[in-house]
Amino acid sequence: NLRSGAVNRLCRLDGTQVSGGEELVNGDYYVAVGNEEYKKLPYFEL
């Protein structure tokens, strides 16, 4: 339910984009990104 609308990309916490479901790792954390740029913030730590 992003303010920017649809999720267009899924990124790792370091900002690198995931390009397919086979790259997902069980238990890992990701960031859902819409049309805007990826915002590098301390998600996990906070």
PDB file of all heavy atoms in Angstrom:
ATOM      1  N   ASN A   1       0.830  -1.203   0.000  1.00  0.00           N
ATOM      2  CA  ASN A   1       0.000   0.000   0.000  1.00  0.00           C
ATOM      3  C   ASN A   1       0.876   1.270   0.000  1.00  0.00           C
ATOM      4  O   ASN A   1       0.728   2.142   0.858  1.00  0.00           O
ATOM      5  CB  ASN A   1      -0.943  -0.025   1.202  1.00  0.00           C
ATOM      6  CG  ASN A   1      -2.096   0.937   1.028  1.00  0.00           C
ATOM      7  OD1 ASN A   1      -2.399   1.359  -0.086  1.00  0.00           O
ATOM      8  ND2 ASN A   1      -2.748   1.285   2.125  1.00  0.00           N
ATOM      9  N   LEU A   2       1.785   1.349  -0.983  1.00  0.00           N
ATOM     10  CA  LEU A   2       2.682   2.495  -1.093  1.00  0.00           C
ATOM     11  C   LEU A   2       1.910   3.755  -1.454  1.00  0.00           C
ATOM     12  O   LEU A   2       0.934   3.708  -2.200  1.00  0.00           O
ATOM     13  CB  LEU A   2       3.742   2.248  -2.176  1.00  0.00           C
ATOM     14  CG  LEU A   2       4.734   1.122  -1.957  1.00  0.00           C
ATOM     15  CD1 LEU A   2       5.674   1.007  -3.159  1.00  0.00           C
ATOM     16  CD2 LEU A   2       5.524   1.339  -0.682  1.00  0.00           C
ATOM     17  N   ARG A   3       2.376   4.890  -0.943  1.00  0.00           N
ATOM     18  CA  ARG A   3       1.760   6.170  -1.303  1.00  0.00           C
ATOM     19  C   ARG A   3       1.899   6.444  -2.797  1.00  0.00           C
ATOM     20  O   ARG A   3       1.046   7.077  -3.401  1.00  0.00           O
ATOM     21  CB  ARG A   3       2.413   7.306  -0.524  1.00  0.00           C
ATOM     22  CG  ARG A   3       2.098   7.267   0.937  1.00  0.00           C
ATOM     23  CD  ARG A   3       2.701   8.452   1.653  1.00  0.00           C
ATOM     24  NE  ARG A   3       2.669   8.211   3.085  1.00  0.00           N
ATOM     25  CZ  ARG A   3       3.590   8.581   3.917  1.00  0.00           C
ATOM     26  NH1 ARG A   3       4.650   9.237   3.490  1.00  0.00           N
ATOM     27  NH2 ARG A   3       3.479   8.316   5.197  1.00  0.00           N
ATOM     28  N   SER A   4       2.991   5.987  -3.383  1.00  0.00           N
ATOM     29  CA  SER A   4       3.247   6.239  -4.804  1.00  0.00           C
ATOM     30  C   SER A   4       2.473   5.297  -5.719  1.00  0.00           C
ATOM     31  O   SER A   4       2.561   5.407  -6.939  1.00  0.00           O
ATOM     32  CB  SER A   4       4.742   6.123  -5.087  1.00  0.00           C
ATOM     33  OG  SER A   4       5.187   4.808  -4.825  1.00  0.00           O
ATOM     34  N   GLY A   5       1.733   4.345  -5.161  1.00  0.00           N
ATOM     35  CA  GLY A   5       0.944   3.429  -5.988  1.00  0.00           C
ATOM     36  C   GLY A   5       1.552   2.047  -6.058  1.00  0.00           C
ATOM     37  O   GLY A   5       1.950   1.474  -5.054  1.00  0.00           O
ATOM     38  N   ALA A   6       1.643   1.530  -7.287  1.00  0.00           N
ATOM     39  CA  ALA A   6       2.081   0.155  -7.514  1.00  0.00           C
ATOM     40  C   ALA A   6       3.557  -0.046  -7.181  1.00  0.00           C
ATOM     41  O   ALA A   6       4.379   0.852  -7.332  1.00  0.00           O
ATOM     42  CB  ALA A   6       1.831  -0.233  -8.967  1.00  0.00           C
ATOM     43  N   VAL A   7       3.871  -1.262  -6.733  1.00  0.00           N
ATOM     44  CA  VAL A   7       5.263  -1.654  -6.519  1.00  0.00           C
ATOM     45  C   VAL A   7       5.826  -2.065  -7.877  1.00  0.00           C
ATOM     46  O   VAL A   7       5.301  -2.961  -8.527  1.00  0.00           O
ATOM     47  CB  VAL A   7       5.365  -2.829  -5.514  1.00  0.00           C
ATOM     48  CG1 VAL A   7       6.800  -3.349  -5.430  1.00  0.00           C
ATOM     49  CG2 VAL A   7       4.864  -2.412  -4.150  1.00  0.00           C
ATOM     50  N   ASN A   8       6.864  -1.353  -8.307  1.00  0.00           N
ATOM     51  CA  ASN A   8       7.492  -1.647  -9.600  1.00  0.00           C
ATOM     52  C   ASN A   8       8.784  -2.430  -9.469  1.00  0.00           C
ATOM     53  O   ASN A   8       9.213  -3.083 -10.411  1.00  0.00           O
ATOM     54  CB  ASN A   8       7.785  -0.342 -10.358  1.00  0.00           C
ATOM     55  CG  ASN A   8       6.520   0.383 -10.724  1.00  0.00           C
ATOM     56  OD1 ASN A   8       5.498  -0.234 -10.997  1.00  0.00           O
ATOM     57  ND2 ASN A   8       6.572   1.702 -10.700  1.00  0.00           N
ATOM     58  N   ARG A   9       9.421  -2.316  -8.295  1.00  0.00           N
ATOM     59  CA  ARG A   9      10.708  -2.977  -8.080  1.00  0.00           C
ATOM     60  C   ARG A   9      10.792  -3.488  -6.656  1.00  0.00           C
ATOM     61  O   ARG A   9      10.148  -2.980  -5.756  1.00  0.00           O
ATOM     62  CB  ARG A   9      11.860  -1.988  -8.294  1.00  0.00           C
ATOM     63  CG  ARG A   9      11.989  -1.484  -9.693  1.00  0.00           C
ATOM     64  CD  ARG A   9      13.107  -0.456  -9.808  1.00  0.00           C
ATOM     65  NE  ARG A   9      12.712   0.762  -9.114  1.00  0.00           N
ATOM     66  CZ  ARG A   9      13.557   1.592  -8.533  1.00  0.00           C
ATOM     67  NH1 ARG A   9      14.836   1.346  -8.527  1.00  0.00           N
ATOM     68  NH2 ARG A   9      13.123   2.689  -7.944  1.00  0.00           N
ATOM     69  N   LEU A  10      11.630  -4.488  -6.484  1.00  0.00           N
ATOM     70  CA  LEU A  10      11.959  -5.002  -5.160  1.00  0.00           C
ATOM     71  C   LEU A  10      13.469  -4.913  -5.047  1.00  0.00           C
ATOM     72  O   LEU A  10      14.195  -5.374  -5.927  1.00  0.00           O
ATOM     73  CB  LEU A  10      11.484  -6.444  -5.008  1.00  0.00           C
ATOM     74  CG  LEU A  10      11.551  -7.034  -3.607  1.00  0.00           C
ATOM     75  CD1 LEU A  10      10.637  -6.270  -2.651  1.00  0.00           C
ATOM     76  CD2 LEU A  10      11.168  -8.504  -3.623  1.00  0.00           C
ATOM     77  N   CYS A  11      13.951  -4.273  -3.987  1.00  0.00           N
ATOM     78  CA  CYS A  11      15.392  -4.075  -3.807  1.00  0.00           C
ATOM     79  C   CYS A  11      15.865  -4.728  -2.522  1.00  0.00           C
ATOM     80  O   CYS A  11      15.105  -4.883  -1.565  1.00  0.00           O
ATOM     81  CB  CYS A  11      15.719  -2.574  -3.739  1.00  0.00           C
ATOM     82  SG  CYS A  11      15.358  -1.694  -5.259  1.00  0.00           S
ATOM     83  N   ARG A  12      17.140  -5.078  -2.517  1.00  0.00           N
ATOM     84  CA  ARG A  12      17.776  -5.525  -1.281  1.00  0.00           C
ATOM     85  C   ARG A  12      18.026  -4.297  -0.415  1.00  0.00           C
ATOM     86  O   ARG A  12      17.884  -3.170  -0.878  1.00  0.00           O
ATOM     87  CB  ARG A  12      19.094  -6.231  -1.602  1.00  0.00           C
ATOM     88  CG  ARG A  12      18.884  -7.535  -2.352  1.00  0.00           C
ATOM     89  CD  ARG A  12      20.225  -8.195  -2.695  1.00  0.00           C
ATOM     90  NE  ARG A  12      20.002  -9.358  -3.520  1.00  0.00           N
ATOM     91  CZ  ARG A  12      19.916  -9.323  -4.861  1.00  0.00           C
ATOM     92  NH1 ARG A  12      20.058  -8.184  -5.515  1.00  0.00           N
ATOM     93  NH2 ARG A  12      19.685 -10.423  -5.539  1.00  0.00           N
ATOM     94  N   LEU A  13      18.419  -4.487   0.820  1.00  0.00           N
ATOM     95  CA  LEU A  13      18.633  -3.361   1.727  1.00  0.00           C
ATOM     96  C   LEU A  13      19.759  -2.441   1.274  1.00  0.00           C
ATOM     97  O   LEU A  13      19.777  -1.270   1.627  1.00  0.00           O
ATOM     98  CB  LEU A  13      18.893  -3.851   3.148  1.00  0.00           C
ATOM     99  CG  LEU A  13      17.704  -4.532   3.820  1.00  0.00           C
ATOM    100  CD1 LEU A  13      18.071  -4.966   5.226  1.00  0.00           C
ATOM    101  CD2 LEU A  13      16.493  -3.629   3.839  1.00  0.00           C
ATOM    102  N   ASP A  14      20.684  -2.951   0.463  1.00  0.00           N
ATOM    103  CA  ASP A  14      21.764  -2.102  -0.040  1.00  0.00           C
ATOM    104  C   ASP A  14      21.356  -1.330  -1.294  1.00  0.00           C
ATOM    105  O   ASP A  14      22.141  -0.569  -1.848  1.00  0.00           O
ATOM    106  CB  ASP A  14      23.034  -2.912  -0.300  1.00  0.00           C
ATOM    107  CG  ASP A  14      22.860  -3.935  -1.423  1.00  0.00           C
ATOM    108  OD1 ASP A  14      21.764  -4.011  -2.037  1.00  0.00           O
ATOM    109  OD2 ASP A  14      23.826  -4.672  -1.687  1.00  0.00           O
ATOM    110  N   GLY A  15      20.123  -1.538  -1.772  1.00  0.00           N
ATOM    111  CA  GLY A  15      19.620  -0.807  -2.930  1.00  0.00           C
ATOM    112  C   GLY A  15      19.712  -1.538  -4.249  1.00  0.00           C
ATOM    113  O   GLY A  15      19.165  -1.078  -5.250  1.00  0.00           O
ATOM    114  N   THR A  16      20.378  -2.693  -4.291  1.00  0.00           N
ATOM    115  CA  THR A  16      20.454  -3.428  -5.557  1.00  0.00           C
ATOM    116  C   THR A  16      19.103  -4.057  -5.865  1.00  0.00           C
ATOM    117  O   THR A  16      18.414  -4.559  -4.978  1.00  0.00           O
ATOM    118  CB  THR A  16      21.544  -4.529  -5.530  1.00  0.00           C
ATOM    119  OG1 THR A  16      21.259  -5.428  -4.468  1.00  0.00           O
ATOM    120  CG2 THR A  16      22.916  -3.934  -5.369  1.00  0.00           C
ATOM    121  N   GLN A  17      18.736  -3.999  -7.117  1.00  0.00           N
ATOM    122  CA  GLN A  17      17.419  -4.462  -7.541  1.00  0.00           C
ATOM    123  C   GLN A  17      17.399  -5.972  -7.716  1.00  0.00           C
ATOM    124  O   GLN A  17      18.330  -6.565  -8.245  1.00  0.00           O
ATOM    125  CB  GLN A  17      17.035  -3.781  -8.849  1.00  0.00           C
ATOM    126  CG  GLN A  17      15.629  -4.084  -9.292  1.00  0.00           C
ATOM    127  CD  GLN A  17      15.213  -3.247 -10.492  1.00  0.00           C
ATOM    128  OE1 GLN A  17      15.758  -2.175 -10.720  1.00  0.00           O
ATOM    129  NE2 GLN A  17      14.267  -3.737 -11.253  1.00  0.00           N
ATOM    130  N   VAL A  18      16.318  -6.595  -7.269  1.00  0.00           N
ATOM    131  CA  VAL A  18      16.083  -8.029  -7.476  1.00  0.00           C
ATOM    132  C   VAL A  18      15.351  -8.146  -8.803  1.00  0.00           C
ATOM    133  O   VAL A  18      14.383  -7.433  -9.055  1.00  0.00           O
ATOM    134  CB  VAL A  18      15.227  -8.620  -6.329  1.00  0.00           C
ATOM    135  CG1 VAL A  18      14.931 -10.075  -6.586  1.00  0.00           C
ATOM    136  CG2 VAL A  18      15.909  -8.430  -4.997  1.00  0.00           C
ATOM    137  N   SER A  19      15.822  -9.038  -9.661  1.00  0.00           N
ATOM    138  CA  SER A  19      15.220  -9.117 -10.994  1.00  0.00           C
ATOM    139  C   SER A  19      14.299 -10.320 -11.190  1.00  0.00           C
ATOM    140  O   SER A  19      13.636 -10.427 -12.216  1.00  0.00           O
ATOM    141  CB  SER A  19      16.320  -9.129 -12.059  1.00  0.00           C
ATOM    142  OG  SER A  19      17.174 -10.223 -11.861  1.00  0.00           O
ATOM    143  N   GLY A  20      14.240 -11.223 -10.225  1.00  0.00           N
ATOM    144  CA  GLY A  20      13.364 -12.379 -10.378  1.00  0.00           C
ATOM    145  C   GLY A  20      13.177 -13.111  -9.062  1.00  0.00           C
ATOM    146  O   GLY A  20      13.973 -12.967  -8.129  1.00  0.00           O
ATOM    147  N   GLY A  21      12.114 -13.911  -9.001  1.00  0.00           N
ATOM    148  CA  GLY A  21      11.788 -14.640  -7.783  1.00  0.00           C
ATOM    149  C   GLY A  21      12.842 -15.632  -7.352  1.00  0.00           C
ATOM    150  O   GLY A  21      12.989 -15.920  -6.159  1.00  0.00           O
ATOM    151  N   GLU A  22      13.627 -16.142  -8.300  1.00  0.00           N
ATOM    152  CA  GLU A  22      14.664 -17.117  -7.945  1.00  0.00           C
ATOM    153  C   GLU A  22      15.811 -16.485  -7.170  1.00  0.00           C
ATOM    154  O   GLU A  22      16.621 -17.187  -6.580  1.00  0.00           O
ATOM    155  CB  GLU A  22      15.197 -17.827  -9.203  1.00  0.00           C
ATOM    156  CG  GLU A  22      15.913 -16.927 -10.191  1.00  0.00           C
ATOM    157  CD  GLU A  22      14.976 -16.125 -11.089  1.00  0.00           C
ATOM    158  OE1 GLU A  22      13.760 -16.394 -11.095  1.00  0.00           O
ATOM    159  OE2 GLU A  22      15.474 -15.211 -11.760  1.00  0.00           O
ATOM    160  N   GLU A  23      15.896 -15.140  -7.123  1.00  0.00           N
ATOM    161  CA  GLU A  23      16.947 -14.454  -6.368  1.00  0.00           C
ATOM    162  C   GLU A  23      16.557 -14.229  -4.905  1.00  0.00           C
ATOM    163  O   GLU A  23      17.400 -13.827  -4.106  1.00  0.00           O
ATOM    164  CB  GLU A  23      17.255 -13.092  -7.004  1.00  0.00           C
ATOM    165  CG  GLU A  23      17.872 -13.184  -8.378  1.00  0.00           C
ATOM    166  CD  GLU A  23      18.176 -11.810  -8.948  1.00  0.00           C
ATOM    167  OE1 GLU A  23      18.416 -10.859  -8.173  1.00  0.00           O
ATOM    168  OE2 GLU A  23      18.171 -11.688 -10.183  1.00  0.00           O
ATOM    169  N   LEU A  24      15.309 -14.470  -4.557  1.00  0.00           N
ATOM    170  CA  LEU A  24      14.851 -14.232  -3.186  1.00  0.00           C
ATOM    171  C   LEU A  24      15.396 -15.307  -2.251  1.00  0.00           C
ATOM    172  O   LEU A  24      15.470 -16.474  -2.607  1.00  0.00           O
ATOM    173  CB  LEU A  24      13.325 -14.214  -3.135  1.00  0.00           C
ATOM    174  CG  LEU A  24      12.663 -13.127  -3.985  1.00  0.00           C
ATOM    175  CD1 LEU A  24      11.153 -13.291  -3.959  1.00  0.00           C
ATOM    176  CD2 LEU A  24      13.062 -11.749  -3.502  1.00  0.00           C
ATOM    177  N   VAL A  25      15.775 -14.871  -1.056  1.00  0.00           N
ATOM    178  CA  VAL A  25      16.367 -15.783  -0.072  1.00  0.00           C
ATOM    179  C   VAL A  25      15.458 -15.840   1.147  1.00  0.00           C
ATOM    180  O   VAL A  25      15.041 -14.805   1.679  1.00  0.00           O
ATOM    181  CB  VAL A  25      17.779 -15.307   0.336  1.00  0.00           C
ATOM    182  CG1 VAL A  25      18.361 -16.204   1.417  1.00  0.00           C
ATOM    183  CG2 VAL A  25      18.689 -15.264  -0.879  1.00  0.00           C
ATOM    184  N   ASN A  26      15.153 -17.031   1.586  1.00  0.00           N
ATOM    185  CA  ASN A  26      14.297 -17.239   2.741  1.00  0.00           C
ATOM    186  C   ASN A  26      14.838 -16.488   3.956  1.00  0.00           C
ATOM    187  O   ASN A  26      16.008 -16.603   4.300  1.00  0.00           O
ATOM    188  CB  ASN A  26      14.216 -18.739   3.045  1.00  0.00           C
ATOM    189  CG  ASN A  26      13.247 -19.053   4.152  1.00  0.00           C
ATOM    190  OD1 ASN A  26      12.285 -18.330   4.373  1.00  0.00           O
ATOM    191  ND2 ASN A  26      13.493 -20.142   4.847  1.00  0.00           N
ATOM    192  N   GLY A  27      13.963 -15.678   4.592  1.00  0.00           N
ATOM    193  CA  GLY A  27      14.333 -14.960   5.801  1.00  0.00           C
ATOM    194  C   GLY A  27      14.971 -13.605   5.571  1.00  0.00           C
ATOM    195  O   GLY A  27      15.181 -12.873   6.520  1.00  0.00           O
ATOM    196  N   ASP A  28      15.281 -13.262   4.322  1.00  0.00           N
ATOM    197  CA  ASP A  28      15.935 -11.980   4.055  1.00  0.00           C
ATOM    198  C   ASP A  28      14.933 -10.826   4.030  1.00  0.00           C
ATOM    199  O   ASP A  28      13.725 -11.030   3.944  1.00  0.00           O
ATOM    200  CB  ASP A  28      16.688 -12.012   2.728  1.00  0.00           C
ATOM    201  CG  ASP A  28      18.103 -12.552   2.884  1.00  0.00           C
ATOM    202  OD1 ASP A  28      18.456 -12.995   3.988  1.00  0.00           O
ATOM    203  OD2 ASP A  28      18.854 -12.515   1.891  1.00  0.00           O
ATOM    204  N   TYR A  29      15.476  -9.620   4.092  1.00  0.00           N
ATOM    205  CA  TYR A  29      14.693  -8.385   4.106  1.00  0.00           C
ATOM    206  C   TYR A  29      14.875  -7.650   2.785  1.00  0.00           C
ATOM    207  O   TYR A  29      15.994  -7.596   2.254  1.00  0.00           O
ATOM    208  CB  TYR A  29      15.132  -7.492   5.275  1.00  0.00           C
ATOM    209  CG  TYR A  29      14.728  -8.049   6.616  1.00  0.00           C
ATOM    210  CD1 TYR A  29      15.465  -9.058   7.222  1.00  0.00           C
ATOM    211  CD2 TYR A  29      13.594  -7.569   7.268  1.00  0.00           C
ATOM    212  CE1 TYR A  29      15.087  -9.573   8.452  1.00  0.00           C
ATOM    213  CE2 TYR A  29      13.214  -8.086   8.499  1.00  0.00           C
ATOM    214  CZ  TYR A  29      13.957  -9.084   9.081  1.00  0.00           C
ATOM    215  OH  TYR A  29      13.582  -9.602  10.293  1.00  0.00           O
ATOM    216  N   TYR A  30      13.773  -7.079   2.285  1.00  0.00           N
ATOM    217  CA  TYR A  30      13.764  -6.371   1.014  1.00  0.00           C
ATOM    218  C   TYR A  30      12.977  -5.069   1.171  1.00  0.00           C
ATOM    219  O   TYR A  30      12.275  -4.882   2.162  1.00  0.00           O
ATOM    220  CB  TYR A  30      13.138  -7.245  -0.081  1.00  0.00           C
ATOM    221  CG  TYR A  30      13.900  -8.532  -0.297  1.00  0.00           C
ATOM    222  CD1 TYR A  30      13.566  -9.691   0.405  1.00  0.00           C
ATOM    223  CD2 TYR A  30      14.968  -8.590  -1.176  1.00  0.00           C
ATOM    224  CE1 TYR A  30      14.286 -10.863   0.228  1.00  0.00           C
ATOM    225  CE2 TYR A  30      15.686  -9.763  -1.366  1.00  0.00           C
ATOM    226  CZ  TYR A  30      15.337 -10.894  -0.663  1.00  0.00           C
ATOM    227  OH  TYR A  30      16.050 -12.051  -0.835  1.00  0.00           O
ATOM    228  N   VAL A  31      13.073  -4.194   0.154  1.00  0.00           N
ATOM    229  CA  VAL A  31      12.349  -2.925   0.156  1.00  0.00           C
ATOM    230  C   VAL A  31      11.496  -2.856  -1.102  1.00  0.00           C
ATOM    231  O   VAL A  31      12.004  -3.010  -2.222  1.00  0.00           O
ATOM    232  CB  VAL A  31      13.325  -1.718   0.208  1.00  0.00           C
ATOM    233  CG1 VAL A  31      12.550  -0.411   0.198  1.00  0.00           C
ATOM    234  CG2 VAL A  31      14.218  -1.801   1.435  1.00  0.00           C
ATOM    235  N   ALA A  32      10.182  -2.631  -0.919  1.00  0.00           N
ATOM    236  CA  ALA A  32       9.254  -2.468  -2.042  1.00  0.00           C
ATOM    237  C   ALA A  32       9.340  -1.020  -2.524  1.00  0.00           C
ATOM    238  O   ALA A  32       9.180  -0.088  -1.741  1.00  0.00           O
ATOM    239  CB  ALA A  32       7.828  -2.798  -1.602  1.00  0.00           C
ATOM    240  N   VAL A  33       9.579  -0.830  -3.834  1.00  0.00           N
ATOM    241  CA  VAL A  33       9.781   0.498  -4.406  1.00  0.00           C
ATOM    242  C   VAL A  33       8.784   0.711  -5.548  1.00  0.00           C
ATOM    243  O   VAL A  33       8.598  -0.167  -6.384  1.00  0.00           O
ATOM    244  CB  VAL A  33      11.232   0.656  -4.934  1.00  0.00           C
ATOM    245  CG1 VAL A  33      11.463   2.045  -5.498  1.00  0.00           C
ATOM    246  CG2 VAL A  33      12.239   0.340  -3.845  1.00  0.00           C
ATOM    247  N   GLY A  34       8.180   1.892  -5.562  1.00  0.00           N
ATOM    248  CA  GLY A  34       7.256   2.253  -6.639  1.00  0.00           C
ATOM    249  C   GLY A  34       7.987   2.985  -7.751  1.00  0.00           C
ATOM    250  O   GLY A  34       9.077   2.594  -8.150  1.00  0.00           O
ATOM    251  N   ASN A  35       7.396   4.095  -8.243  1.00  0.00           N
ATOM    252  CA  ASN A  35       7.996   4.883  -9.319  1.00  0.00           C
ATOM    253  C   ASN A  35       9.172   5.734  -8.847  1.00  0.00           C
ATOM    254  O   ASN A  35       9.998   6.151  -9.646  1.00  0.00           O
ATOM    255  CB  ASN A  35       6.946   5.804  -9.956  1.00  0.00           C
ATOM    256  CG  ASN A  35       5.936   5.013 -10.748  1.00  0.00           C
ATOM    257  OD1 ASN A  35       6.268   3.979 -11.323  1.00  0.00           O
ATOM    258  ND2 ASN A  35       4.705   5.482 -10.777  1.00  0.00           N
ATOM    259  N   GLU A  36       9.231   5.996  -7.538  1.00  0.00           N
ATOM    260  CA  GLU A  36      10.277   6.862  -6.992  1.00  0.00           C
ATOM    261  C   GLU A  36      11.614   6.130  -6.927  1.00  0.00           C
ATOM    262  O   GLU A  36      11.699   4.934  -7.132  1.00  0.00           O
ATOM    263  CB  GLU A  36       9.866   7.363  -5.602  1.00  0.00           C
ATOM    264  CG  GLU A  36       9.931   6.321  -4.494  1.00  0.00           C
ATOM    265  CD  GLU A  36       8.753   5.352  -4.419  1.00  0.00           C
ATOM    266  OE1 GLU A  36       7.817   5.460  -5.245  1.00  0.00           O
ATOM    267  OE2 GLU A  36       8.764   4.472  -3.548  1.00  0.00           O
ATOM    268  N   GLU A  37      12.663   6.876  -6.617  1.00  0.00           N
ATOM    269  CA  GLU A  37      13.991   6.297  -6.421  1.00  0.00           C
ATOM    270  C   GLU A  37      14.032   5.515  -5.103  1.00  0.00           C
ATOM    271  O   GLU A  37      13.310   5.845  -4.164  1.00  0.00           O
ATOM    272  CB  GLU A  37      15.044   7.415  -6.362  1.00  0.00           C
ATOM    273  CG  GLU A  37      15.268   8.127  -7.676  1.00  0.00           C
ATOM    274  CD  GLU A  37      15.955   7.241  -8.699  1.00  0.00           C
ATOM    275  OE1 GLU A  37      16.883   6.500  -8.318  1.00  0.00           O
ATOM    276  OE2 GLU A  37      15.538   7.270  -9.863  1.00  0.00           O
ATOM    277  N   TYR A  38      14.900   4.520  -5.048  1.00  0.00           N
ATOM    278  CA  TYR A  38      15.131   3.787  -3.809  1.00  0.00           C
ATOM    279  C   TYR A  38      15.725   4.750  -2.779  1.00  0.00           C
ATOM    280  O   TYR A  38      16.648   5.499  -3.073  1.00  0.00           O
ATOM    281  CB  TYR A  38      16.098   2.620  -4.050  1.00  0.00           C
ATOM    282  CG  TYR A  38      16.607   1.992  -2.773  1.00  0.00           C
ATOM    283  CD1 TYR A  38      15.823   1.075  -2.084  1.00  0.00           C
ATOM    284  CD2 TYR A  38      17.848   2.322  -2.255  1.00  0.00           C
ATOM    285  CE1 TYR A  38      16.277   0.512  -0.901  1.00  0.00           C
ATOM    286  CE2 TYR A  38      18.309   1.746  -1.072  1.00  0.00           C
ATOM    287  CZ  TYR A  38      17.522   0.845  -0.407  1.00  0.00           C
ATOM    288  OH  TYR A  38      17.966   0.283   0.758  1.00  0.00           O
ATOM    289  N   LYS A  39      15.172   4.733  -1.574  1.00  0.00           N
ATOM    290  CA  LYS A  39      15.653   5.607  -0.504  1.00  0.00           C
ATOM    291  C   LYS A  39      16.494   4.780   0.461  1.00  0.00           C
ATOM    292  O   LYS A  39      15.974   3.912   1.161  1.00  0.00           O
ATOM    293  CB  LYS A  39      14.485   6.271   0.206  1.00  0.00           C
ATOM    294  CG  LYS A  39      13.725   7.183  -0.735  1.00  0.00           C
ATOM    295  CD  LYS A  39      12.509   7.773  -0.106  1.00  0.00           C
ATOM    296  CE  LYS A  39      11.818   8.647  -1.140  1.00  0.00           C
ATOM    297  NZ  LYS A  39      10.461   8.960  -0.780  1.00  0.00           N
ATOM    298  N   LYS A  40      17.773   5.065   0.459  1.00  0.00           N
ATOM    299  CA  LYS A  40      18.699   4.318   1.326  1.00  0.00           C
ATOM    300  C   LYS A  40      18.566   4.844   2.750  1.00  0.00           C
ATOM    301  O   LYS A  40      19.061   5.916   3.081  1.00  0.00           O
ATOM    302  CB  LYS A  40      20.129   4.461   0.825  1.00  0.00           C
ATOM    303  CG  LYS A  40      21.088   3.557   1.558  1.00  0.00           C
ATOM    304  CD  LYS A  40      22.458   3.578   0.932  1.00  0.00           C
ATOM    305  CE  LYS A  40      23.421   2.811   1.791  1.00  0.00           C
ATOM    306  NZ  LYS A  40      23.755   1.527   1.285  1.00  0.00           N
ATOM    307  N   LEU A  41      17.868   4.100   3.569  1.00  0.00           N
ATOM    308  CA  LEU A  41      17.610   4.459   4.965  1.00  0.00           C
ATOM    309  C   LEU A  41      17.950   3.262   5.852  1.00  0.00           C
ATOM    310  O   LEU A  41      17.996   2.126   5.376  1.00  0.00           O
ATOM    311  CB  LEU A  41      16.138   4.856   5.146  1.00  0.00           C
ATOM    312  CG  LEU A  41      15.663   6.067   4.343  1.00  0.00           C
ATOM    313  CD1 LEU A  41      14.147   6.202   4.438  1.00  0.00           C
ATOM    314  CD2 LEU A  41      16.330   7.328   4.841  1.00  0.00           C
ATOM    315  N   PRO A  42      18.151   3.479   7.146  1.00  0.00           N
ATOM    316  CA  PRO A  42      18.463   2.351   8.052  1.00  0.00           C
ATOM    317  C   PRO A  42      17.198   1.583   8.455  1.00  0.00           C
ATOM    318  O   PRO A  42      16.841   1.515   9.626  1.00  0.00           O
ATOM    319  CB  PRO A  42      19.123   3.049   9.247  1.00  0.00           C
ATOM    320  CG  PRO A  42      18.507   4.415   9.269  1.00  0.00           C
ATOM    321  CD  PRO A  42      18.259   4.775   7.832  1.00  0.00           C
ATOM    322  N   TYR A  43      16.517   0.993   7.473  1.00  0.00           N
ATOM    323  CA  TYR A  43      15.262   0.276   7.728  1.00  0.00           C
ATOM    324  C   TYR A  43      15.432  -0.780   8.817  1.00  0.00           C
ATOM    325  O   TYR A  43      14.707  -0.807   9.800  1.00  0.00           O
ATOM    326  CB  TYR A  43      14.771  -0.411   6.446  1.00  0.00           C
ATOM    327  CG  TYR A  43      14.463   0.522   5.311  1.00  0.00           C
ATOM    328  CD1 TYR A  43      15.351   0.670   4.248  1.00  0.00           C
ATOM    329  CD2 TYR A  43      13.280   1.249   5.283  1.00  0.00           C
ATOM    330  CE1 TYR A  43      15.066   1.514   3.196  1.00  0.00           C
ATOM    331  CE2 TYR A  43      12.985   2.097   4.236  1.00  0.00           C
ATOM    332  CZ  TYR A  43      13.884   2.231   3.193  1.00  0.00           C
ATOM    333  OH  TYR A  43      13.610   3.071   2.157  1.00  0.00           O
ATOM    334  N   PHE A  44      16.382  -1.663   8.596  1.00  0.00           N
ATOM    335  CA  PHE A  44      16.563  -2.804   9.491  1.00  0.00           C
ATOM    336  C   PHE A  44      16.905  -2.348  10.903  1.00  0.00           C
ATOM    337  O   PHE A  44      16.312  -2.809  11.872  1.00  0.00           O
ATOM    338  CB  PHE A  44      17.664  -3.710   8.936  1.00  0.00           C
ATOM    339  CG  PHE A  44      17.800  -5.008   9.681  1.00  0.00           C
ATOM    340  CD1 PHE A  44      16.964  -6.072   9.403  1.00  0.00           C
ATOM    341  CD2 PHE A  44      18.752  -5.157  10.668  1.00  0.00           C
ATOM    342  CE1 PHE A  44      17.075  -7.268  10.091  1.00  0.00           C
ATOM    343  CE2 PHE A  44      18.879  -6.347  11.365  1.00  0.00           C
ATOM    344  CZ  PHE A  44      18.038  -7.402  11.076  1.00  0.00           C
ATOM    345  N   GLU A  45      17.849  -1.437  11.018  1.00  0.00           N
ATOM    346  CA  GLU A  45      18.316  -0.992  12.333  1.00  0.00           C
ATOM    347  C   GLU A  45      17.205  -0.298  13.128  1.00  0.00           C
ATOM    348  O   GLU A  45      17.140  -0.421  14.342  1.00  0.00           O
ATOM    349  CB  GLU A  45      19.511  -0.037  12.189  1.00  0.00           C
ATOM    350  CG  GLU A  45      20.758  -0.698  11.641  1.00  0.00           C
ATOM    351  CD  GLU A  45      20.749  -0.861  10.115  1.00  0.00           C
ATOM    352  OE1 GLU A  45      19.817  -0.379   9.449  1.00  0.00           O
ATOM    353  OE2 GLU A  45      21.676  -1.495   9.611  1.00  0.00           O
ATOM    354  N   LEU A  46      16.325   0.435  12.441  1.00  0.00           N
ATOM    355  CA  LEU A  46      15.289   1.191  13.143  1.00  0.00           C
ATOM    356  C   LEU A  46      13.983   0.430  13.347  1.00  0.00           C
ATOM    357  O   LEU A  46      13.243   0.706  14.282  1.00  0.00           O
ATOM    358  CB  LEU A  46      14.991   2.494  12.384  1.00  0.00           C
ATOM    359  CG  LEU A  46      16.131   3.512  12.353  1.00  0.00           C
ATOM    360  CD1 LEU A  46      15.735   4.714  11.520  1.00  0.00           C
ATOM    361  CD2 LEU A  46      16.521   3.937  13.756  1.00  0.00           C
TER     362      LEU A  46
END
